Amino acid sequence: MELWNWRSRTRWLIEDGQAPDFKGTPAEEQGFRTFDDIVRHTAKLATQEGTLDKIIDEDFVVFGKPYRDLDSEEWNTVRSITEERHFALNWLCGYAPGNCWDETSTDT
């Protein structure tokens, strides 16, 4: 669930026009220049590790297409589902201070 929430947040960064600053980092040394580079690498790695069953165009598959191709309504639906499930899972795992629902973190 955390990986899906990360993908949603990465899409938000892309939609917001933000660009990563990989200068002088291992990411730059590995050839990453954009968030999409990271998404493509992560999707391939997650498939190899068995975390994702399938990818299309080196991206997570949602509604039979790459995550990056979701329209705004589809993205809002998927984003809402992943955020809520990640939140609930973290609460169930005891990550909320004092078991307080409203203080459950979903940092990725």
PDB file of N, CA and C in Angstrom:
ATOM      1  N   MET A   1       0.827  -1.192   0.000  1.00  0.00           N
ATOM      2  CA  MET A   1       0.000   0.000   0.000  1.00  0.00           C
ATOM      3  C   MET A   1       0.874   1.260   0.000  1.00  0.00           C
ATOM      4  N   GLU A   2       1.967   1.192   0.746  1.00  0.00           N
ATOM      5  CA  GLU A   2       2.852   2.356   0.806  1.00  0.00           C
ATOM      6  C   GLU A   2       3.403   2.702  -0.580  1.00  0.00           C
ATOM      7  N   LEU A   3       3.723   1.677  -1.356  1.00  0.00           N
ATOM      8  CA  LEU A   3       4.258   1.915  -2.695  1.00  0.00           C
ATOM      9  C   LEU A   3       3.230   2.608  -3.584  1.00  0.00           C
ATOM     10  N   TRP A   4       1.968   2.204  -3.482  1.00  0.00           N
ATOM     11  CA  TRP A   4       0.914   2.837  -4.276  1.00  0.00           C
ATOM     12  C   TRP A   4       0.702   4.285  -3.845  1.00  0.00           C
ATOM     13  N   ASN A   5       0.781   4.539  -2.554  1.00  0.00           N
ATOM     14  CA  ASN A   5       0.632   5.916  -2.079  1.00  0.00           C
ATOM     15  C   ASN A   5       1.822   6.756  -2.552  1.00  0.00           C
ATOM     16  N   TRP A   6       3.002   6.166  -2.549  1.00  0.00           N
ATOM     17  CA  TRP A   6       4.182   6.862  -3.085  1.00  0.00           C
ATOM     18  C   TRP A   6       3.963   7.223  -4.553  1.00  0.00           C
ATOM     19  N   ARG A   7       3.397   6.281  -5.324  1.00  0.00           N
ATOM     20  CA  ARG A   7       3.163   6.546  -6.751  1.00  0.00           C
ATOM     21  C   ARG A   7       2.183   7.694  -6.929  1.00  0.00           C
ATOM     22  N   SER A   8       1.171   7.729  -6.094  1.00  0.00           N
ATOM     23  CA  SER A   8       0.190   8.818  -6.147  1.00  0.00           C
ATOM     24  C   SER A   8       0.846  10.155  -5.830  1.00  0.00           C
ATOM     25  N   ARG A   9       1.682  10.169  -4.820  1.00  0.00           N
ATOM     26  CA  ARG A   9       2.357  11.414  -4.438  1.00  0.00           C
ATOM     27  C   ARG A   9       3.359  11.854  -5.506  1.00  0.00           C
ATOM     28  N   THR A  10       3.992  10.896  -6.134  1.00  0.00           N
ATOM     29  CA  THR A  10       4.922  11.231  -7.207  1.00  0.00           C
ATOM     30  C   THR A  10       4.177  11.839  -8.388  1.00  0.00           C
ATOM     31  N   ARG A  11       3.014  11.306  -8.688  1.00  0.00           N
ATOM     32  CA  ARG A  11       2.194  11.890  -9.764  1.00  0.00           C
ATOM     33  C   ARG A  11       1.835  13.329  -9.406  1.00  0.00           C
ATOM     34  N   TRP A  12       1.511  13.560  -8.129  1.00  0.00           N
ATOM     35  CA  TRP A  12       1.165  14.921  -7.705  1.00  0.00           C
ATOM     36  C   TRP A  12       2.345  15.867  -7.945  1.00  0.00           C
ATOM     37  N   LEU A  13       3.549  15.431  -7.613  1.00  0.00           N
ATOM     38  CA  LEU A  13       4.732  16.268  -7.839  1.00  0.00           C
ATOM     39  C   LEU A  13       4.905  16.584  -9.323  1.00  0.00           C
ATOM     40  N   ILE A  14       4.682  15.585 -10.160  1.00  0.00           N
ATOM     41  CA  ILE A  14       4.791  15.779 -11.608  1.00  0.00           C
ATOM     42  C   ILE A  14       3.720  16.751 -12.084  1.00  0.00           C
ATOM     43  N   GLU A  15       2.476  16.541 -11.651  1.00  0.00           N
ATOM     44  CA  GLU A  15       1.362  17.412 -12.052  1.00  0.00           C
ATOM     45  C   GLU A  15       1.600  18.852 -11.590  1.00  0.00           C
ATOM     46  N   ASP A  16       2.244  18.989 -10.432  1.00  0.00           N
ATOM     47  CA  ASP A  16       2.505  20.305  -9.855  1.00  0.00           C
ATOM     48  C   ASP A  16       3.686  21.011 -10.539  1.00  0.00           C
ATOM     49  N   GLY A  17       4.327  20.311 -11.447  1.00  0.00           N
ATOM     50  CA  GLY A  17       5.443  20.912 -12.177  1.00  0.00           C
ATOM     51  C   GLY A  17       6.752  20.929 -11.409  1.00  0.00           C
ATOM     52  N   GLN A  18       6.818  20.179 -10.328  1.00  0.00           N
ATOM     53  CA  GLN A  18       8.053  20.146  -9.548  1.00  0.00           C
ATOM     54  C   GLN A  18       9.070  19.241 -10.234  1.00  0.00           C
ATOM     55  N   ALA A  19      10.308  19.585 -10.080  1.00  0.00           N
ATOM     56  CA  ALA A  19      11.393  18.788 -10.654  1.00  0.00           C
ATOM     57  C   ALA A  19      12.336  18.373  -9.534  1.00  0.00           C
ATOM     58  N   PRO A  20      12.827  17.152  -9.585  1.00  0.00           N
ATOM     59  CA  PRO A  20      13.744  16.703  -8.537  1.00  0.00           C
ATOM     60  C   PRO A  20      15.115  17.352  -8.686  1.00  0.00           C
ATOM     61  N   ASP A  21      15.812  17.462  -7.583  1.00  0.00           N
ATOM     62  CA  ASP A  21      17.185  17.955  -7.610  1.00  0.00           C
ATOM     63  C   ASP A  21      18.091  16.790  -7.219  1.00  0.00           C
ATOM     64  N   PHE A  22      18.552  16.072  -8.213  1.00  0.00           N
ATOM     65  CA  PHE A  22      19.379  14.897  -7.976  1.00  0.00           C
ATOM     66  C   PHE A  22      20.870  15.201  -8.045  1.00  0.00           C
ATOM     67  N   LYS A  23      21.232  16.471  -8.221  1.00  0.00           N
ATOM     68  CA  LYS A  23      22.647  16.815  -8.395  1.00  0.00           C
ATOM     69  C   LYS A  23      23.480  16.327  -7.212  1.00  0.00           C
ATOM     70  N   GLY A  24      24.528  15.588  -7.542  1.00  0.00           N
ATOM     71  CA  GLY A  24      25.452  15.108  -6.529  1.00  0.00           C
ATOM     72  C   GLY A  24      24.936  13.949  -5.699  1.00  0.00           C
ATOM     73  N   THR A  25      23.842  13.328  -6.111  1.00  0.00           N
ATOM     74  CA  THR A  25      23.270  12.213  -5.353  1.00  0.00           C
ATOM     75  C   THR A  25      23.483  10.900  -6.103  1.00  0.00           C
ATOM     76  N   PRO A  26      23.311   9.776  -5.411  1.00  0.00           N
ATOM     77  CA  PRO A  26      23.387   8.487  -6.107  1.00  0.00           C
ATOM     78  C   PRO A  26      22.369   8.374  -7.248  1.00  0.00           C
ATOM     79  N   ALA A  27      21.227   9.035  -7.113  1.00  0.00           N
ATOM     80  CA  ALA A  27      20.220   9.005  -8.185  1.00  0.00           C
ATOM     81  C   ALA A  27      20.788   9.597  -9.470  1.00  0.00           C
ATOM     82  N   GLU A  28      21.522  10.694  -9.343  1.00  0.00           N
ATOM     83  CA  GLU A  28      22.134  11.299 -10.530  1.00  0.00           C
ATOM     84  C   GLU A  28      23.176  10.355 -11.126  1.00  0.00           C
ATOM     85  N   GLU A  29      23.957   9.729 -10.261  1.00  0.00           N
ATOM     86  CA  GLU A  29      24.989   8.799 -10.725  1.00  0.00           C
ATOM     87  C   GLU A  29      24.384   7.624 -11.492  1.00  0.00           C
ATOM     88  N   GLN A  30      23.152   7.246 -11.131  1.00  0.00           N
ATOM     89  CA  GLN A  30      22.474   6.134 -11.810  1.00  0.00           C
ATOM     90  C   GLN A  30      21.724   6.597 -13.056  1.00  0.00           C
ATOM     91  N   GLY A  31      21.772   7.889 -13.344  1.00  0.00           N
ATOM     92  CA  GLY A  31      21.170   8.398 -14.569  1.00  0.00           C
ATOM     93  C   GLY A  31      19.761   8.933 -14.435  1.00  0.00           C
ATOM     94  N   PHE A  32      19.256   9.053 -13.223  1.00  0.00           N
ATOM     95  CA  PHE A  32      17.910   9.585 -13.031  1.00  0.00           C
ATOM     96  C   PHE A  32      17.918  11.099 -13.193  1.00  0.00           C
ATOM     97  N   ARG A  33      16.986  11.607 -13.977  1.00  0.00           N
ATOM     98  CA  ARG A  33      16.879  13.049 -14.202  1.00  0.00           C
ATOM     99  C   ARG A  33      15.495  13.588 -13.825  1.00  0.00           C
ATOM    100  N   THR A  34      14.482  12.727 -13.907  1.00  0.00           N
ATOM    101  CA  THR A  34      13.099  13.160 -13.672  1.00  0.00           C
ATOM    102  C   THR A  34      12.409  12.212 -12.697  1.00  0.00           C
ATOM    103  N   PHE A  35      11.262  12.661 -12.186  1.00  0.00           N
ATOM    104  CA  PHE A  35      10.457  11.770 -11.356  1.00  0.00           C
ATOM    105  C   PHE A  35       9.998  10.564 -12.175  1.00  0.00           C
ATOM    106  N   ASP A  36       9.717  10.780 -13.456  1.00  0.00           N
ATOM    107  CA  ASP A  36       9.289   9.665 -14.295  1.00  0.00           C
ATOM    108  C   ASP A  36      10.395   8.620 -14.428  1.00  0.00           C
ATOM    109  N   ASP A  37      11.649   9.044 -14.448  1.00  0.00           N
ATOM    110  CA  ASP A  37      12.759   8.080 -14.454  1.00  0.00           C
ATOM    111  C   ASP A  37      12.689   7.188 -13.219  1.00  0.00           C
ATOM    112  N   ILE A  38      12.427   7.797 -12.078  1.00  0.00           N
ATOM    113  CA  ILE A  38      12.331   7.048 -10.820  1.00  0.00           C
ATOM    114  C   ILE A  38      11.129   6.109 -10.853  1.00  0.00           C
ATOM    115  N   VAL A  39       9.994   6.592 -11.362  1.00  0.00           N
ATOM    116  CA  VAL A  39       8.793   5.755 -11.459  1.00  0.00           C
ATOM    117  C   VAL A  39       9.076   4.535 -12.331  1.00  0.00           C
ATOM    118  N   ARG A  40       9.682   4.749 -13.483  1.00  0.00           N
ATOM    119  CA  ARG A  40       9.970   3.640 -14.394  1.00  0.00           C
ATOM    120  C   ARG A  40      10.899   2.610 -13.737  1.00  0.00           C
ATOM    121  N   HIS A  41      11.922   3.088 -13.066  1.00  0.00           N
ATOM    122  CA  HIS A  41      12.855   2.190 -12.376  1.00  0.00           C
ATOM    123  C   HIS A  41      12.136   1.425 -11.262  1.00  0.00           C
ATOM    124  N   THR A  42      11.344   2.136 -10.478  1.00  0.00           N
ATOM    125  CA  THR A  42      10.629   1.525  -9.360  1.00  0.00           C
ATOM    126  C   THR A  42       9.638   0.478  -9.846  1.00  0.00           C
ATOM    127  N   ALA A  43       8.911   0.777 -10.918  1.00  0.00           N
ATOM    128  CA  ALA A  43       7.938  -0.177 -11.458  1.00  0.00           C
ATOM    129  C   ALA A  43       8.634  -1.464 -11.906  1.00  0.00           C
ATOM    130  N   LYS A  44       9.758  -1.320 -12.601  1.00  0.00           N
ATOM    131  CA  LYS A  44      10.493  -2.507 -13.050  1.00  0.00           C
ATOM    132  C   LYS A  44      11.000  -3.314 -11.857  1.00  0.00           C
ATOM    133  N   LEU A  45      11.562  -2.626 -10.879  1.00  0.00           N
ATOM    134  CA  LEU A  45      12.086  -3.298  -9.697  1.00  0.00           C
ATOM    135  C   LEU A  45      10.968  -3.988  -8.909  1.00  0.00           C
ATOM    136  N   ALA A  46       9.830  -3.307  -8.748  1.00  0.00           N
ATOM    137  CA  ALA A  46       8.702  -3.886  -8.007  1.00  0.00           C
ATOM    138  C   ALA A  46       8.161  -5.127  -8.709  1.00  0.00           C
ATOM    139  N   THR A  47       8.210  -5.144 -10.023  1.00  0.00           N
ATOM    140  CA  THR A  47       7.774  -6.326 -10.770  1.00  0.00           C
ATOM    141  C   THR A  47       8.762  -7.470 -10.565  1.00  0.00           C
ATOM    142  N   GLN A  48      10.039  -7.166 -10.625  1.00  0.00           N
ATOM    143  CA  GLN A  48      11.066  -8.194 -10.415  1.00  0.00           C
ATOM    144  C   GLN A  48      10.961  -8.795  -9.019  1.00  0.00           C
ATOM    145  N   GLU A  49      10.642  -7.962  -8.032  1.00  0.00           N
ATOM    146  CA  GLU A  49      10.547  -8.427  -6.647  1.00  0.00           C
ATOM    147  C   GLU A  49       9.203  -9.077  -6.333  1.00  0.00           C
ATOM    148  N   GLY A  50       8.240  -8.972  -7.264  1.00  0.00           N
ATOM    149  CA  GLY A  50       6.926  -9.565  -7.042  1.00  0.00           C
ATOM    150  C   GLY A  50       5.943  -8.674  -6.313  1.00  0.00           C
ATOM    151  N   THR A  51       6.314  -7.422  -6.070  1.00  0.00           N
ATOM    152  CA  THR A  51       5.415  -6.482  -5.402  1.00  0.00           C
ATOM    153  C   THR A  51       4.287  -6.064  -6.337  1.00  0.00           C
ATOM    154  N   LEU A  52       4.603  -5.889  -7.609  1.00  0.00           N
ATOM    155  CA  LEU A  52       3.602  -5.612  -8.643  1.00  0.00           C
ATOM    156  C   LEU A  52       3.543  -6.817  -9.572  1.00  0.00           C
ATOM    157  N   ASP A  53       2.325  -7.221  -9.940  1.00  0.00           N
ATOM    158  CA  ASP A  53       2.170  -8.359 -10.846  1.00  0.00           C
ATOM    159  C   ASP A  53       2.528  -8.002 -12.276  1.00  0.00           C
ATOM    160  N   LYS A  54       2.206  -6.779 -12.654  1.00  0.00           N
ATOM    161  CA  LYS A  54       2.321  -6.396 -14.057  1.00  0.00           C
ATOM    162  C   LYS A  54       2.585  -4.901 -14.144  1.00  0.00           C
ATOM    163  N   ILE A  55       3.306  -4.486 -15.178  1.00  0.00           N
ATOM    164  CA  ILE A  55       3.468  -3.064 -15.476  1.00  0.00           C
ATOM    165  C   ILE A  55       3.183  -2.853 -16.962  1.00  0.00           C
ATOM    166  N   ILE A  56       2.787  -1.651 -17.301  1.00  0.00           N
ATOM    167  CA  ILE A  56       2.598  -1.253 -18.697  1.00  0.00           C
ATOM    168  C   ILE A  56       3.396   0.029 -18.897  1.00  0.00           C
ATOM    169  N   ASP A  57       4.185   0.072 -19.955  1.00  0.00           N
ATOM    170  CA  ASP A  57       5.009   1.244 -20.255  1.00  0.00           C
ATOM    171  C   ASP A  57       5.838   1.662 -19.038  1.00  0.00           C
ATOM    172  N   GLU A  58       6.368   0.649 -18.334  1.00  0.00           N
ATOM    173  CA  GLU A  58       7.202   0.871 -17.146  1.00  0.00           C
ATOM    174  C   GLU A  58       6.488   1.710 -16.089  1.00  0.00           C
ATOM    175  N   ASP A  59       5.215   1.419 -15.864  1.00  0.00           N
ATOM    176  CA  ASP A  59       4.440   2.130 -14.843  1.00  0.00           C
ATOM    177  C   ASP A  59       3.443   1.165 -14.213  1.00  0.00           C
ATOM    178  N   PHE A  60       2.946   1.538 -13.044  1.00  0.00           N
ATOM    179  CA  PHE A  60       1.938   0.757 -12.351  1.00  0.00           C
ATOM    180  C   PHE A  60       0.693   0.678 -13.235  1.00  0.00           C
ATOM    181  N   VAL A  61      -0.020  -0.439 -13.174  1.00  0.00           N
ATOM    182  CA  VAL A  61      -1.212  -0.617 -13.995  1.00  0.00           C
ATOM    183  C   VAL A  61      -2.464  -0.323 -13.171  1.00  0.00           C
ATOM    184  N   VAL A  62      -3.281   0.590 -13.689  1.00  0.00           N
ATOM    185  CA  VAL A  62      -4.562   0.930 -13.071  1.00  0.00           C
ATOM    186  C   VAL A  62      -5.590   1.037 -14.191  1.00  0.00           C
ATOM    187  N   PHE A  63      -6.721   0.384 -14.004  1.00  0.00           N
ATOM    188  CA  PHE A  63      -7.781   0.400 -15.025  1.00  0.00           C
ATOM    189  C   PHE A  63      -7.243  -0.041 -16.387  1.00  0.00           C
ATOM    190  N   GLY A  64      -6.273  -0.957 -16.375  1.00  0.00           N
ATOM    191  CA  GLY A  64      -5.736  -1.503 -17.613  1.00  0.00           C
ATOM    192  C   GLY A  64      -4.794  -0.595 -18.376  1.00  0.00           C
ATOM    193  N   LYS A  65      -4.303   0.448 -17.721  1.00  0.00           N
ATOM    194  CA  LYS A  65      -3.388   1.375 -18.404  1.00  0.00           C
ATOM    195  C   LYS A  65      -2.334   1.882 -17.424  1.00  0.00           C
ATOM    196  N   PRO A  66      -1.271   2.512 -17.946  1.00  0.00           N
ATOM    197  CA  PRO A  66      -0.242   3.053 -17.058  1.00  0.00           C
ATOM    198  C   PRO A  66      -0.815   4.140 -16.140  1.00  0.00           C
ATOM    199  N   TYR A  67      -0.342   4.156 -14.912  1.00  0.00           N
ATOM    200  CA  TYR A  67      -0.791   5.146 -13.931  1.00  0.00           C
ATOM    201  C   TYR A  67      -0.674   6.561 -14.491  1.00  0.00           C
ATOM    202  N   ARG A  68       0.409   6.849 -15.204  1.00  0.00           N
ATOM    203  CA  ARG A  68       0.631   8.205 -15.724  1.00  0.00           C
ATOM    204  C   ARG A  68      -0.440   8.622 -16.725  1.00  0.00           C
ATOM    205  N   ASP A  69      -1.177   7.646 -17.293  1.00  0.00           N
ATOM    206  CA  ASP A  69      -2.208   7.958 -18.284  1.00  0.00           C
ATOM    207  C   ASP A  69      -3.604   8.127 -17.688  1.00  0.00           C
ATOM    208  N   LEU A  70      -3.725   8.035 -16.372  1.00  0.00           N
ATOM    209  CA  LEU A  70      -5.039   8.228 -15.750  1.00  0.00           C
ATOM    210  C   LEU A  70      -5.511   9.657 -15.973  1.00  0.00           C
ATOM    211  N   ASP A  71      -6.797   9.814 -16.244  1.00  0.00           N
ATOM    212  CA  ASP A  71      -7.332  11.177 -16.316  1.00  0.00           C
ATOM    213  C   ASP A  71      -7.545  11.680 -14.890  1.00  0.00           C
ATOM    214  N   SER A  72      -7.918  12.942 -14.731  1.00  0.00           N
ATOM    215  CA  SER A  72      -8.014  13.520 -13.383  1.00  0.00           C
ATOM    216  C   SER A  72      -9.013  12.798 -12.494  1.00  0.00           C
ATOM    217  N   GLU A  73     -10.148  12.413 -13.044  1.00  0.00           N
ATOM    218  CA  GLU A  73     -11.158  11.726 -12.228  1.00  0.00           C
ATOM    219  C   GLU A  73     -10.648  10.362 -11.765  1.00  0.00           C
ATOM    220  N   GLU A  74     -10.029   9.618 -12.671  1.00  0.00           N
ATOM    221  CA  GLU A  74      -9.473   8.314 -12.300  1.00  0.00           C
ATOM    222  C   GLU A  74      -8.371   8.481 -11.260  1.00  0.00           C
ATOM    223  N   TRP A  75      -7.515   9.460 -11.479  1.00  0.00           N
ATOM    224  CA  TRP A  75      -6.418   9.685 -10.541  1.00  0.00           C
ATOM    225  C   TRP A  75      -6.951  10.064  -9.165  1.00  0.00           C
ATOM    226  N   ASN A  76      -7.943  10.930  -9.101  1.00  0.00           N
ATOM    227  CA  ASN A  76      -8.530  11.306  -7.814  1.00  0.00           C
ATOM    228  C   ASN A  76      -9.107  10.097  -7.092  1.00  0.00           C
ATOM    229  N   THR A  77      -9.752   9.208  -7.826  1.00  0.00           N
ATOM    230  CA  THR A  77     -10.315   7.996  -7.226  1.00  0.00           C
ATOM    231  C   THR A  77      -9.214   7.108  -6.671  1.00  0.00           C
ATOM    232  N   VAL A  78      -8.209   6.832  -7.485  1.00  0.00           N
ATOM    233  CA  VAL A  78      -7.114   5.956  -7.064  1.00  0.00           C
ATOM    234  C   VAL A  78      -6.331   6.589  -5.920  1.00  0.00           C
ATOM    235  N   ARG A  79      -6.088   7.867  -6.009  1.00  0.00           N
ATOM    236  CA  ARG A  79      -5.353   8.573  -4.950  1.00  0.00           C
ATOM    237  C   ARG A  79      -6.097   8.483  -3.624  1.00  0.00           C
ATOM    238  N   SER A  80      -7.389   8.702  -3.644  1.00  0.00           N
ATOM    239  CA  SER A  80      -8.190   8.640  -2.425  1.00  0.00           C
ATOM    240  C   SER A  80      -8.149   7.237  -1.810  1.00  0.00           C
ATOM    241  N   ILE A  81      -8.319   6.232  -2.642  1.00  0.00           N
ATOM    242  CA  ILE A  81      -8.301   4.847  -2.151  1.00  0.00           C
ATOM    243  C   ILE A  81      -6.948   4.506  -1.539  1.00  0.00           C
ATOM    244  N   THR A  82      -5.859   4.836  -2.231  1.00  0.00           N
ATOM    245  CA  THR A  82      -4.538   4.474  -1.714  1.00  0.00           C
ATOM    246  C   THR A  82      -4.201   5.233  -0.437  1.00  0.00           C
ATOM    247  N   GLU A  83      -4.566   6.499  -0.370  1.00  0.00           N
ATOM    248  CA  GLU A  83      -4.287   7.271   0.847  1.00  0.00           C
ATOM    249  C   GLU A  83      -5.038   6.693   2.041  1.00  0.00           C
ATOM    250  N   GLU A  84      -6.315   6.393   1.858  1.00  0.00           N
ATOM    251  CA  GLU A  84      -7.121   5.874   2.971  1.00  0.00           C
ATOM    252  C   GLU A  84      -6.657   4.489   3.402  1.00  0.00           C
ATOM    253  N   ARG A  85      -6.327   3.645   2.455  1.00  0.00           N
ATOM    254  CA  ARG A  85      -5.856   2.301   2.815  1.00  0.00           C
ATOM    255  C   ARG A  85      -4.500   2.360   3.507  1.00  0.00           C
ATOM    256  N   HIS A  86      -3.617   3.215   3.036  1.00  0.00           N
ATOM    257  CA  HIS A  86      -2.310   3.365   3.675  1.00  0.00           C
ATOM    258  C   HIS A  86      -2.484   3.887   5.103  1.00  0.00           C
ATOM    259  N   PHE A  87      -3.354   4.852   5.258  1.00  0.00           N
ATOM    260  CA  PHE A  87      -3.647   5.424   6.574  1.00  0.00           C
ATOM    261  C   PHE A  87      -4.158   4.334   7.519  1.00  0.00           C
ATOM    262  N   ALA A  88      -5.155   3.564   7.060  1.00  0.00           N
ATOM    263  CA  ALA A  88      -5.746   2.515   7.898  1.00  0.00           C
ATOM    264  C   ALA A  88      -4.725   1.433   8.241  1.00  0.00           C
ATOM    265  N   LEU A  89      -3.922   1.031   7.266  1.00  0.00           N
ATOM    266  CA  LEU A  89      -2.910   0.009   7.516  1.00  0.00           C
ATOM    267  C   LEU A  89      -1.896   0.483   8.553  1.00  0.00           C
ATOM    268  N   ASN A  90      -1.430   1.715   8.424  1.00  0.00           N
ATOM    269  CA  ASN A  90      -0.470   2.237   9.396  1.00  0.00           C
ATOM    270  C   ASN A  90      -1.072   2.322  10.789  1.00  0.00           C
ATOM    271  N   TRP A  91      -2.353   2.671  10.872  1.00  0.00           N
ATOM    272  CA  TRP A  91      -3.013   2.727  12.179  1.00  0.00           C
ATOM    273  C   TRP A  91      -3.103   1.323  12.768  1.00  0.00           C
ATOM    274  N   LEU A  92      -3.507   0.345  11.955  1.00  0.00           N
ATOM    275  CA  LEU A  92      -3.612  -1.038  12.426  1.00  0.00           C
ATOM    276  C   LEU A  92      -2.260  -1.595  12.861  1.00  0.00           C
ATOM    277  N   CYS A  93      -1.199  -1.143  12.216  1.00  0.00           N
ATOM    278  CA  CYS A  93       0.155  -1.610  12.553  1.00  0.00           C
ATOM    279  C   CYS A  93       0.732  -0.898  13.776  1.00  0.00           C
ATOM    280  N   GLY A  94      -0.026   0.047  14.328  1.00  0.00           N
ATOM    281  CA  GLY A  94       0.412   0.724  15.544  1.00  0.00           C
ATOM    282  C   GLY A  94       1.339   1.896  15.327  1.00  0.00           C
ATOM    283  N   TYR A  95       1.313   2.496  14.140  1.00  0.00           N
ATOM    284  CA  TYR A  95       2.200   3.618  13.856  1.00  0.00           C
ATOM    285  C   TYR A  95       1.675   4.962  14.339  1.00  0.00           C
ATOM    286  N   ALA A  96       0.470   4.979  14.884  1.00  0.00           N
ATOM    287  CA  ALA A  96      -0.102   6.237  15.376  1.00  0.00           C
ATOM    288  C   ALA A  96       0.334   6.458  16.819  1.00  0.00           C
ATOM    289  N   PRO A  97       0.861   7.641  17.134  1.00  0.00           N
ATOM    290  CA  PRO A  97       1.243   7.928  18.519  1.00  0.00           C
ATOM    291  C   PRO A  97       0.037   7.775  19.445  1.00  0.00           C
ATOM    292  N   GLY A  98       0.197   6.960  20.484  1.00  0.00           N
ATOM    293  CA  GLY A  98      -0.892   6.750  21.435  1.00  0.00           C
ATOM    294  C   GLY A  98      -2.107   6.090  20.797  1.00  0.00           C
ATOM    295  N   ASN A  99      -1.908   5.435  19.661  1.00  0.00           N
ATOM    296  CA  ASN A  99      -2.988   4.793  18.908  1.00  0.00           C
ATOM    297  C   ASN A  99      -4.086   5.779  18.518  1.00  0.00           C
ATOM    298  N   CYS A 100      -3.712   7.042  18.340  1.00  0.00           N
ATOM    299  CA  CYS A 100      -4.666   8.096  17.978  1.00  0.00           C
ATOM    300  C   CYS A 100      -4.840   8.122  16.459  1.00  0.00           C
ATOM    301  N   TRP A 101      -6.032   7.778  16.015  1.00  0.00           N
ATOM    302  CA  TRP A 101      -6.354   7.704  14.582  1.00  0.00           C
ATOM    303  C   TRP A 101      -5.930   8.959  13.830  1.00  0.00           C
ATOM    304  N   ASP A 102      -6.260  10.121  14.375  1.00  0.00           N
ATOM    305  CA  ASP A 102      -5.995  11.384  13.684  1.00  0.00           C
ATOM    306  C   ASP A 102      -4.513  11.728  13.573  1.00  0.00           C
ATOM    307  N   GLU A 103      -3.665  11.033  14.304  1.00  0.00           N
ATOM    308  CA  GLU A 103      -2.232  11.319  14.261  1.00  0.00           C
ATOM    309  C   GLU A 103      -1.436  10.259  13.499  1.00  0.00           C
ATOM    310  N   THR A 104      -2.130   9.413  12.763  1.00  0.00           N
ATOM    311  CA  THR A 104      -1.472   8.357  11.999  1.00  0.00           C
ATOM    312  C   THR A 104      -0.689   8.961  10.837  1.00  0.00           C
ATOM    313  N   SER A 105       0.568   8.600  10.742  1.00  0.00           N
ATOM    314  CA  SER A 105       1.432   9.114   9.676  1.00  0.00           C
ATOM    315  C   SER A 105       1.364   8.207   8.447  1.00  0.00           C
ATOM    316  N   THR A 106       1.426   8.823   7.288  1.00  0.00           N
ATOM    317  CA  THR A 106       1.535   8.054   6.039  1.00  0.00           C
ATOM    318  C   THR A 106       2.731   8.549   5.232  1.00  0.00           C
ATOM    319  N   ASP A 107       3.776   8.949   5.918  1.00  0.00           N
ATOM    320  CA  ASP A 107       4.989   9.379   5.219  1.00  0.00           C
ATOM    321  C   ASP A 107       5.511   8.232   4.360  1.00  0.00           C
ATOM    322  N   THR A 108       5.993   8.588   3.177  1.00  0.00           N
ATOM    323  CA  THR A 108       6.560   7.557   2.301  1.00  0.00           C
ATOM    324  C   THR A 108       8.015   7.869   2.024  1.00  0.00           C
TER     325      THR A 108
END
